[in-house]
Amino acid sequence: MGDHGVPRGEGFDWEGAEDLTSLSEAELRAHLGALSEEERALSYRLRVLQGRMDVIRAELVRRGAVALPPGDLARALLGEASEAGRPS
């Protein structure tokens, strides 16, 4: 996990996933509920980040500066250094 609990380059381990056919209906419903809650939390976090990005872009425009590409802006919001922004 990276800063702010954001996974970095992690994908879903399909090979290691549990066999859903072996779970009871109650277990499946519990998994679905947990995943739905995780999706809700991630969706909220995404909306917050998008709002922060919009505010920063608007401030850059107000100052007459060129807006950062979305990837660089996201890294800046997460406190990471941009490869493009590093001195050589």
PDB file of N, CA and C in Angstrom:
ATOM      1  N   MET A   1       0.836  -1.183   0.000  1.00  0.00           N
ATOM      2  CA  MET A   1       0.000   0.000   0.000  1.00  0.00           C
ATOM      3  C   MET A   1       0.878   1.243   0.000  1.00  0.00           C
ATOM      4  N   GLY A   2       0.408   2.244  -0.726  1.00  0.00           N
ATOM      5  CA  GLY A   2       1.125   3.506  -0.784  1.00  0.00           C
ATOM      6  C   GLY A   2       0.579   4.472   0.247  1.00  0.00           C
ATOM      7  N   ASP A   3       0.898   5.736   0.071  1.00  0.00           N
ATOM      8  CA  ASP A   3       0.403   6.775   0.968  1.00  0.00           C
ATOM      9  C   ASP A   3      -1.118   6.791   0.948  1.00  0.00           C
ATOM     10  N   HIS A   4      -1.697   7.148   2.056  1.00  0.00           N
ATOM     11  CA  HIS A   4      -3.157   7.299   2.169  1.00  0.00           C
ATOM     12  C   HIS A   4      -3.904   5.988   1.935  1.00  0.00           C
ATOM     13  N   GLY A   5      -3.235   4.832   2.087  1.00  0.00           N
ATOM     14  CA  GLY A   5      -3.907   3.557   1.922  1.00  0.00           C
ATOM     15  C   GLY A   5      -4.274   3.210   0.501  1.00  0.00           C
ATOM     16  N   VAL A   6      -3.652   3.860  -0.468  1.00  0.00           N
ATOM     17  CA  VAL A   6      -3.966   3.604  -1.873  1.00  0.00           C
ATOM     18  C   VAL A   6      -3.046   2.509  -2.391  1.00  0.00           C
ATOM     19  N   PRO A   7      -3.603   1.412  -2.930  1.00  0.00           N
ATOM     20  CA  PRO A   7      -2.747   0.361  -3.473  1.00  0.00           C
ATOM     21  C   PRO A   7      -1.932   0.876  -4.649  1.00  0.00           C
ATOM     22  N   ARG A   8      -0.704   0.411  -4.760  1.00  0.00           N
ATOM     23  CA  ARG A   8       0.173   0.806  -5.855  1.00  0.00           C
ATOM     24  C   ARG A   8       0.448  -0.417  -6.725  1.00  0.00           C
ATOM     25  N   GLY A   9      -0.136  -0.433  -7.904  1.00  0.00           N
ATOM     26  CA  GLY A   9       0.168  -1.495  -8.852  1.00  0.00           C
ATOM     27  C   GLY A   9      -0.288  -2.876  -8.416  1.00  0.00           C
ATOM     28  N   GLU A  10      -1.198  -2.937  -7.484  1.00  0.00           N
ATOM     29  CA  GLU A  10      -1.691  -4.230  -7.028  1.00  0.00           C
ATOM     30  C   GLU A  10      -2.912  -4.611  -7.840  1.00  0.00           C
ATOM     31  N   GLY A  11      -2.947  -5.842  -8.304  1.00  0.00           N
ATOM     32  CA  GLY A  11      -4.100  -6.335  -9.020  1.00  0.00           C
ATOM     33  C   GLY A  11      -4.785  -7.416  -8.207  1.00  0.00           C
ATOM     34  N   PHE A  12      -5.936  -7.801  -8.637  1.00  0.00           N
ATOM     35  CA  PHE A  12      -6.668  -8.859  -7.947  1.00  0.00           C
ATOM     36  C   PHE A  12      -6.004 -10.200  -8.231  1.00  0.00           C
ATOM     37  N   ASP A  13      -5.810 -10.995  -7.210  1.00  0.00           N
ATOM     38  CA  ASP A  13      -5.188 -12.309  -7.341  1.00  0.00           C
ATOM     39  C   ASP A  13      -6.263 -13.339  -7.705  1.00  0.00           C
ATOM     40  N   TRP A  14      -6.537 -13.445  -9.005  1.00  0.00           N
ATOM     41  CA  TRP A  14      -7.569 -14.379  -9.458  1.00  0.00           C
ATOM     42  C   TRP A  14      -7.216 -15.814  -9.136  1.00  0.00           C
ATOM     43  N   GLU A  15      -5.945 -16.158  -9.199  1.00  0.00           N
ATOM     44  CA  GLU A  15      -5.516 -17.531  -8.899  1.00  0.00           C
ATOM     45  C   GLU A  15      -5.746 -17.878  -7.435  1.00  0.00           C
ATOM     46  N   GLY A  16      -5.556 -16.903  -6.555  1.00  0.00           N
ATOM     47  CA  GLY A  16      -5.688 -17.157  -5.124  1.00  0.00           C
ATOM     48  C   GLY A  16      -7.069 -16.870  -4.564  1.00  0.00           C
ATOM     49  N   ALA A  17      -8.001 -16.486  -5.412  1.00  0.00           N
ATOM     50  CA  ALA A  17      -9.351 -16.157  -4.942  1.00  0.00           C
ATOM     51  C   ALA A  17     -10.056 -17.420  -4.448  1.00  0.00           C
ATOM     52  N   GLU A  18     -10.864 -17.222  -3.432  1.00  0.00           N
ATOM     53  CA  GLU A  18     -11.571 -18.387  -2.892  1.00  0.00           C
ATOM     54  C   GLU A  18     -12.636 -18.893  -3.864  1.00  0.00           C
ATOM     55  N   ASP A  19     -12.974 -20.138  -3.716  1.00  0.00           N
ATOM     56  CA  ASP A  19     -13.980 -20.775  -4.565  1.00  0.00           C
ATOM     57  C   ASP A  19     -15.365 -20.371  -4.059  1.00  0.00           C
ATOM     58  N   LEU A  20     -16.018 -19.503  -4.797  1.00  0.00           N
ATOM     59  CA  LEU A  20     -17.325 -19.001  -4.367  1.00  0.00           C
ATOM     60  C   LEU A  20     -18.394 -20.082  -4.349  1.00  0.00           C
ATOM     61  N   THR A  21     -18.206 -21.114  -5.159  1.00  0.00           N
ATOM     62  CA  THR A  21     -19.212 -22.181  -5.196  1.00  0.00           C
ATOM     63  C   THR A  21     -19.243 -22.987  -3.910  1.00  0.00           C
ATOM     64  N   SER A  22     -18.185 -22.874  -3.081  1.00  0.00           N
ATOM     65  CA  SER A  22     -18.141 -23.640  -1.835  1.00  0.00           C
ATOM     66  C   SER A  22     -18.707 -22.858  -0.650  1.00  0.00           C
ATOM     67  N   LEU A  23     -19.084 -21.596  -0.875  1.00  0.00           N
ATOM     68  CA  LEU A  23     -19.594 -20.769   0.212  1.00  0.00           C
ATOM     69  C   LEU A  23     -21.107 -20.878   0.327  1.00  0.00           C
ATOM     70  N   SER A  24     -21.586 -20.712   1.563  1.00  0.00           N
ATOM     71  CA  SER A  24     -23.032 -20.725   1.790  1.00  0.00           C
ATOM     72  C   SER A  24     -23.629 -19.420   1.284  1.00  0.00           C
ATOM     73  N   GLU A  25     -24.943 -19.401   1.182  1.00  0.00           N
ATOM     74  CA  GLU A  25     -25.625 -18.188   0.750  1.00  0.00           C
ATOM     75  C   GLU A  25     -25.359 -17.047   1.737  1.00  0.00           C
ATOM     76  N   ALA A  26     -25.339 -17.337   3.023  1.00  0.00           N
ATOM     77  CA  ALA A  26     -25.073 -16.314   4.035  1.00  0.00           C
ATOM     78  C   ALA A  26     -23.655 -15.757   3.880  1.00  0.00           C
ATOM     79  N   GLU A  27     -22.699 -16.627   3.611  1.00  0.00           N
ATOM     80  CA  GLU A  27     -21.319 -16.177   3.406  1.00  0.00           C
ATOM     81  C   GLU A  27     -21.203 -15.315   2.148  1.00  0.00           C
ATOM     82  N   LEU A  28     -21.892 -15.722   1.089  1.00  0.00           N
ATOM     83  CA  LEU A  28     -21.879 -14.931  -0.138  1.00  0.00           C
ATOM     84  C   LEU A  28     -22.488 -13.548   0.098  1.00  0.00           C
ATOM     85  N   ARG A  29     -23.603 -13.503   0.843  1.00  0.00           N
ATOM     86  CA  ARG A  29     -24.236 -12.218   1.140  1.00  0.00           C
ATOM     87  C   ARG A  29     -23.310 -11.343   1.989  1.00  0.00           C
ATOM     88  N   ALA A  30     -22.596 -11.948   2.926  1.00  0.00           N
ATOM     89  CA  ALA A  30     -21.660 -11.192   3.766  1.00  0.00           C
ATOM     90  C   ALA A  30     -20.533 -10.618   2.912  1.00  0.00           C
ATOM     91  N   HIS A  31     -19.992 -11.426   2.007  1.00  0.00           N
ATOM     92  CA  HIS A  31     -18.937 -10.946   1.103  1.00  0.00           C
ATOM     93  C   HIS A  31     -19.464  -9.801   0.233  1.00  0.00           C
ATOM     94  N   LEU A  32     -20.653  -9.962  -0.300  1.00  0.00           N
ATOM     95  CA  LEU A  32     -21.249  -8.933  -1.142  1.00  0.00           C
ATOM     96  C   LEU A  32     -21.440  -7.638  -0.358  1.00  0.00           C
ATOM     97  N   GLY A  33     -21.896  -7.752   0.871  1.00  0.00           N
ATOM     98  CA  GLY A  33     -22.080  -6.568   1.708  1.00  0.00           C
ATOM     99  C   GLY A  33     -20.761  -5.857   1.987  1.00  0.00           C
ATOM    100  N   ALA A  34     -19.720  -6.627   2.288  1.00  0.00           N
ATOM    101  CA  ALA A  34     -18.407  -6.037   2.563  1.00  0.00           C
ATOM    102  C   ALA A  34     -17.852  -5.354   1.324  1.00  0.00           C
ATOM    103  N   LEU A  35     -17.991  -5.998   0.171  1.00  0.00           N
ATOM    104  CA  LEU A  35     -17.500  -5.403  -1.068  1.00  0.00           C
ATOM    105  C   LEU A  35     -18.308  -4.170  -1.455  1.00  0.00           C
ATOM    106  N   SER A  36     -19.599  -4.179  -1.204  1.00  0.00           N
ATOM    107  CA  SER A  36     -20.434  -3.007  -1.493  1.00  0.00           C
ATOM    108  C   SER A  36     -20.012  -1.823  -0.637  1.00  0.00           C
ATOM    109  N   GLU A  37     -19.690  -2.082   0.631  1.00  0.00           N
ATOM    110  CA  GLU A  37     -19.227  -1.020   1.520  1.00  0.00           C
ATOM    111  C   GLU A  37     -17.868  -0.496   1.062  1.00  0.00           C
ATOM    112  N   GLU A  38     -16.979  -1.376   0.653  1.00  0.00           N
ATOM    113  CA  GLU A  38     -15.675  -0.958   0.142  1.00  0.00           C
ATOM    114  C   GLU A  38     -15.842  -0.108  -1.118  1.00  0.00           C
ATOM    115  N   GLU A  39     -16.754  -0.523  -2.008  1.00  0.00           N
ATOM    116  CA  GLU A  39     -17.016   0.238  -3.226  1.00  0.00           C
ATOM    117  C   GLU A  39     -17.552   1.630  -2.887  1.00  0.00           C
ATOM    118  N   ARG A  40     -18.439   1.719  -1.907  1.00  0.00           N
ATOM    119  CA  ARG A  40     -18.994   3.004  -1.497  1.00  0.00           C
ATOM    120  C   ARG A  40     -17.891   3.922  -0.972  1.00  0.00           C
ATOM    121  N   ALA A  41     -17.001   3.373  -0.155  1.00  0.00           N
ATOM    122  CA  ALA A  41     -15.910   4.172   0.405  1.00  0.00           C
ATOM    123  C   ALA A  41     -14.943   4.632  -0.689  1.00  0.00           C
ATOM    124  N   LEU A  42     -14.632   3.754  -1.625  1.00  0.00           N
ATOM    125  CA  LEU A  42     -13.739   4.123  -2.725  1.00  0.00           C
ATOM    126  C   LEU A  42     -14.376   5.173  -3.629  1.00  0.00           C
ATOM    127  N   SER A  43     -15.666   5.042  -3.872  1.00  0.00           N
ATOM    128  CA  SER A  43     -16.376   6.005  -4.701  1.00  0.00           C
ATOM    129  C   SER A  43     -16.341   7.386  -4.052  1.00  0.00           C
ATOM    130  N   TYR A  44     -16.553   7.441  -2.742  1.00  0.00           N
ATOM    131  CA  TYR A  44     -16.495   8.709  -2.018  1.00  0.00           C
ATOM    132  C   TYR A  44     -15.095   9.310  -2.128  1.00  0.00           C
ATOM    133  N   ARG A  45     -14.079   8.492  -1.913  1.00  0.00           N
ATOM    134  CA  ARG A  45     -12.687   8.968  -1.992  1.00  0.00           C
ATOM    135  C   ARG A  45     -12.385   9.516  -3.385  1.00  0.00           C
ATOM    136  N   LEU A  46     -12.866   8.839  -4.423  1.00  0.00           N
ATOM    137  CA  LEU A  46     -12.661   9.295  -5.792  1.00  0.00           C
ATOM    138  C   LEU A  46     -13.307  10.660  -6.012  1.00  0.00           C
ATOM    139  N   ARG A  47     -14.535  10.826  -5.525  1.00  0.00           N
ATOM    140  CA  ARG A  47     -15.225  12.113  -5.689  1.00  0.00           C
ATOM    141  C   ARG A  47     -14.485  13.234  -4.963  1.00  0.00           C
ATOM    142  N   VAL A  48     -13.944  12.939  -3.781  1.00  0.00           N
ATOM    143  CA  VAL A  48     -13.179  13.942  -3.032  1.00  0.00           C
ATOM    144  C   VAL A  48     -11.925  14.328  -3.814  1.00  0.00           C
ATOM    145  N   LEU A  49     -11.203  13.344  -4.333  1.00  0.00           N
ATOM    146  CA  LEU A  49      -9.995  13.624  -5.111  1.00  0.00           C
ATOM    147  C   LEU A  49     -10.317  14.420  -6.371  1.00  0.00           C
ATOM    148  N   GLN A  50     -11.390  14.062  -7.049  1.00  0.00           N
ATOM    149  CA  GLN A  50     -11.773  14.789  -8.258  1.00  0.00           C
ATOM    150  C   GLN A  50     -12.114  16.241  -7.918  1.00  0.00           C
ATOM    151  N   GLY A  51     -12.773  16.455  -6.804  1.00  0.00           N
ATOM    152  CA  GLY A  51     -13.088  17.812  -6.372  1.00  0.00           C
ATOM    153  C   GLY A  51     -11.837  18.608  -6.062  1.00  0.00           C
ATOM    154  N   ARG A  52     -10.885  17.991  -5.371  1.00  0.00           N
ATOM    155  CA  ARG A  52      -9.626  18.672  -5.061  1.00  0.00           C
ATOM    156  C   ARG A  52      -8.873  19.005  -6.347  1.00  0.00           C
ATOM    157  N   MET A  53      -8.873  18.081  -7.295  1.00  0.00           N
ATOM    158  CA  MET A  53      -8.212  18.325  -8.575  1.00  0.00           C
ATOM    159  C   MET A  53      -8.867  19.498  -9.305  1.00  0.00           C
ATOM    160  N   ASP A  54     -10.180  19.562  -9.281  1.00  0.00           N
ATOM    161  CA  ASP A  54     -10.904  20.665  -9.927  1.00  0.00           C
ATOM    162  C   ASP A  54     -10.542  22.002  -9.292  1.00  0.00           C
ATOM    163  N   VAL A  55     -10.432  22.036  -7.963  1.00  0.00           N
ATOM    164  CA  VAL A  55     -10.077  23.272  -7.268  1.00  0.00           C
ATOM    165  C   VAL A  55      -8.664  23.708  -7.660  1.00  0.00           C
ATOM    166  N   ILE A  56      -7.731  22.762  -7.706  1.00  0.00           N
ATOM    167  CA  ILE A  56      -6.354  23.091  -8.072  1.00  0.00           C
ATOM    168  C   ILE A  56      -6.273  23.558  -9.522  1.00  0.00           C
ATOM    169  N   ARG A  57      -6.980  22.880 -10.412  1.00  0.00           N
ATOM    170  CA  ARG A  57      -6.990  23.306 -11.821  1.00  0.00           C
ATOM    171  C   ARG A  57      -7.555  24.726 -11.958  1.00  0.00           C
ATOM    172  N   ALA A  58      -8.621  25.007 -11.231  1.00  0.00           N
ATOM    173  CA  ALA A  58      -9.232  26.340 -11.291  1.00  0.00           C
ATOM    174  C   ALA A  58      -8.258  27.396 -10.779  1.00  0.00           C
ATOM    175  N   GLU A  59      -7.525  27.084  -9.728  1.00  0.00           N
ATOM    176  CA  GLU A  59      -6.543  28.037  -9.202  1.00  0.00           C
ATOM    177  C   GLU A  59      -5.410  28.244 -10.198  1.00  0.00           C
ATOM    178  N   LEU A  60      -4.974  27.182 -10.861  1.00  0.00           N
ATOM    179  CA  LEU A  60      -3.935  27.325 -11.879  1.00  0.00           C
ATOM    180  C   LEU A  60      -4.420  28.206 -13.031  1.00  0.00           C
ATOM    181  N   VAL A  61      -5.646  28.002 -13.453  1.00  0.00           N
ATOM    182  CA  VAL A  61      -6.210  28.820 -14.530  1.00  0.00           C
ATOM    183  C   VAL A  61      -6.309  30.271 -14.077  1.00  0.00           C
ATOM    184  N   ARG A  62      -6.755  30.485 -12.840  1.00  0.00           N
ATOM    185  CA  ARG A  62      -6.867  31.836 -12.300  1.00  0.00           C
ATOM    186  C   ARG A  62      -5.511  32.544 -12.319  1.00  0.00           C
ATOM    187  N   ARG A  63      -4.450  31.779 -12.046  1.00  0.00           N
ATOM    188  CA  ARG A  63      -3.104  32.362 -12.031  1.00  0.00           C
ATOM    189  C   ARG A  63      -2.494  32.445 -13.428  1.00  0.00           C
ATOM    190  N   GLY A  64      -3.191  31.943 -14.420  1.00  0.00           N
ATOM    191  CA  GLY A  64      -2.677  31.982 -15.783  1.00  0.00           C
ATOM    192  C   GLY A  64      -1.644  30.912 -16.071  1.00  0.00           C
ATOM    193  N   ALA A  65      -1.544  29.926 -15.201  1.00  0.00           N
ATOM    194  CA  ALA A  65      -0.580  28.837 -15.379  1.00  0.00           C
ATOM    195  C   ALA A  65      -1.183  27.731 -16.231  1.00  0.00           C
ATOM    196  N   VAL A  66      -0.332  26.910 -16.751  1.00  0.00           N
ATOM    197  CA  VAL A  66      -0.770  25.743 -17.509  1.00  0.00           C
ATOM    198  C   VAL A  66      -1.145  24.656 -16.501  1.00  0.00           C
ATOM    199  N   ALA A  67      -2.291  24.046 -16.693  1.00  0.00           N
ATOM    200  CA  ALA A  67      -2.750  22.985 -15.794  1.00  0.00           C
ATOM    201  C   ALA A  67      -1.886  21.742 -15.950  1.00  0.00           C
ATOM    202  N   LEU A  68      -1.702  21.023 -14.853  1.00  0.00           N
ATOM    203  CA  LEU A  68      -0.953  19.767 -14.886  1.00  0.00           C
ATOM    204  C   LEU A  68      -1.784  18.681 -15.554  1.00  0.00           C
ATOM    205  N   PRO A  69      -1.116  17.736 -16.219  1.00  0.00           N
ATOM    206  CA  PRO A  69      -1.856  16.574 -16.723  1.00  0.00           C
ATOM    207  C   PRO A  69      -2.476  15.823 -15.535  1.00  0.00           C
ATOM    208  N   PRO A  70      -3.593  15.133 -15.739  1.00  0.00           N
ATOM    209  CA  PRO A  70      -4.284  14.467 -14.623  1.00  0.00           C
ATOM    210  C   PRO A  70      -3.385  13.554 -13.796  1.00  0.00           C
ATOM    211  N   GLY A  71      -2.516  12.786 -14.442  1.00  0.00           N
ATOM    212  CA  GLY A  71      -1.642  11.876 -13.696  1.00  0.00           C
ATOM    213  C   GLY A  71      -0.691  12.617 -12.772  1.00  0.00           C
ATOM    214  N   ASP A  72      -0.085  13.708 -13.268  1.00  0.00           N
ATOM    215  CA  ASP A  72       0.824  14.499 -12.447  1.00  0.00           C
ATOM    216  C   ASP A  72       0.083  15.174 -11.304  1.00  0.00           C
ATOM    217  N   LEU A  73      -1.125  15.653 -11.580  1.00  0.00           N
ATOM    218  CA  LEU A  73      -1.924  16.291 -10.541  1.00  0.00           C
ATOM    219  C   LEU A  73      -2.302  15.276  -9.460  1.00  0.00           C
ATOM    220  N   ALA A  74      -2.672  14.079  -9.857  1.00  0.00           N
ATOM    221  CA  ALA A  74      -3.022  13.039  -8.884  1.00  0.00           C
ATOM    222  C   ALA A  74      -1.822  12.718  -8.001  1.00  0.00           C
ATOM    223  N   ARG A  75      -0.628  12.593  -8.599  1.00  0.00           N
ATOM    224  CA  ARG A  75       0.575  12.315  -7.813  1.00  0.00           C
ATOM    225  C   ARG A  75       0.861  13.466  -6.849  1.00  0.00           C
ATOM    226  N   ALA A  76       0.660  14.692  -7.295  1.00  0.00           N
ATOM    227  CA  ALA A  76       0.888  15.854  -6.428  1.00  0.00           C
ATOM    228  C   ALA A  76      -0.079  15.836  -5.244  1.00  0.00           C
ATOM    229  N   LEU A  77      -1.332  15.493  -5.502  1.00  0.00           N
ATOM    230  CA  LEU A  77      -2.321  15.433  -4.427  1.00  0.00           C
ATOM    231  C   LEU A  77      -1.989  14.352  -3.415  1.00  0.00           C
ATOM    232  N   LEU A  78      -1.384  13.270  -3.889  1.00  0.00           N
ATOM    233  CA  LEU A  78      -1.030  12.167  -3.002  1.00  0.00           C
ATOM    234  C   LEU A  78       0.343  12.367  -2.362  1.00  0.00           C
ATOM    235  N   GLY A  79       0.996  13.489  -2.680  1.00  0.00           N
ATOM    236  CA  GLY A  79       2.267  13.797  -2.055  1.00  0.00           C
ATOM    237  C   GLY A  79       3.457  13.109  -2.680  1.00  0.00           C
ATOM    238  N   GLU A  80       3.318  12.622  -3.883  1.00  0.00           N
ATOM    239  CA  GLU A  80       4.413  11.949  -4.571  1.00  0.00           C
ATOM    240  C   GLU A  80       5.097  12.940  -5.496  1.00  0.00           C
ATOM    241  N   ALA A  81       6.384  12.734  -5.722  1.00  0.00           N
ATOM    242  CA  ALA A  81       7.122  13.569  -6.664  1.00  0.00           C
ATOM    243  C   ALA A  81       6.837  13.099  -8.081  1.00  0.00           C
ATOM    244  N   SER A  82       6.666  14.035  -8.981  1.00  0.00           N
ATOM    245  CA  SER A  82       6.443  13.712 -10.381  1.00  0.00           C
ATOM    246  C   SER A  82       7.779  13.514 -11.053  1.00  0.00           C
ATOM    247  N   GLU A  83       7.859  12.492 -11.880  1.00  0.00           N
ATOM    248  CA  GLU A  83       9.088  12.259 -12.647  1.00  0.00           C
ATOM    249  C   GLU A  83       9.395  13.456 -13.514  1.00  0.00           C
ATOM    250  N   ALA A  84       8.376  14.035 -14.148  1.00  0.00           N
ATOM    251  CA  ALA A  84       8.564  15.161 -15.037  1.00  0.00           C
ATOM    252  C   ALA A  84       8.976  16.413 -14.275  1.00  0.00           C
ATOM    253  N   GLY A  85       8.570  16.524 -13.017  1.00  0.00           N
ATOM    254  CA  GLY A  85       8.860  17.712 -12.250  1.00  0.00           C
ATOM    255  C   GLY A  85      10.185  17.680 -11.522  1.00  0.00           C
ATOM    256  N   ARG A  86      10.910  16.565 -11.580  1.00  0.00           N
ATOM    257  CA  ARG A  86      12.193  16.457 -10.893  1.00  0.00           C
ATOM    258  C   ARG A  86      13.298  17.095 -11.713  1.00  0.00           C
ATOM    259  N   PRO A  87      14.202  17.813 -11.037  1.00  0.00           N
ATOM    260  CA  PRO A  87      15.332  18.380 -11.777  1.00  0.00           C
ATOM    261  C   PRO A  87      16.276  17.287 -12.227  1.00  0.00           C
ATOM    262  N   SER A  88      16.929  17.500 -13.374  1.00  0.00           N
ATOM    263  CA  SER A  88      17.852  16.491 -13.906  1.00  0.00           C
ATOM    264  C   SER A  88      19.177  16.556 -13.226  1.00  0.00           C
TER     265      SER A  88
END
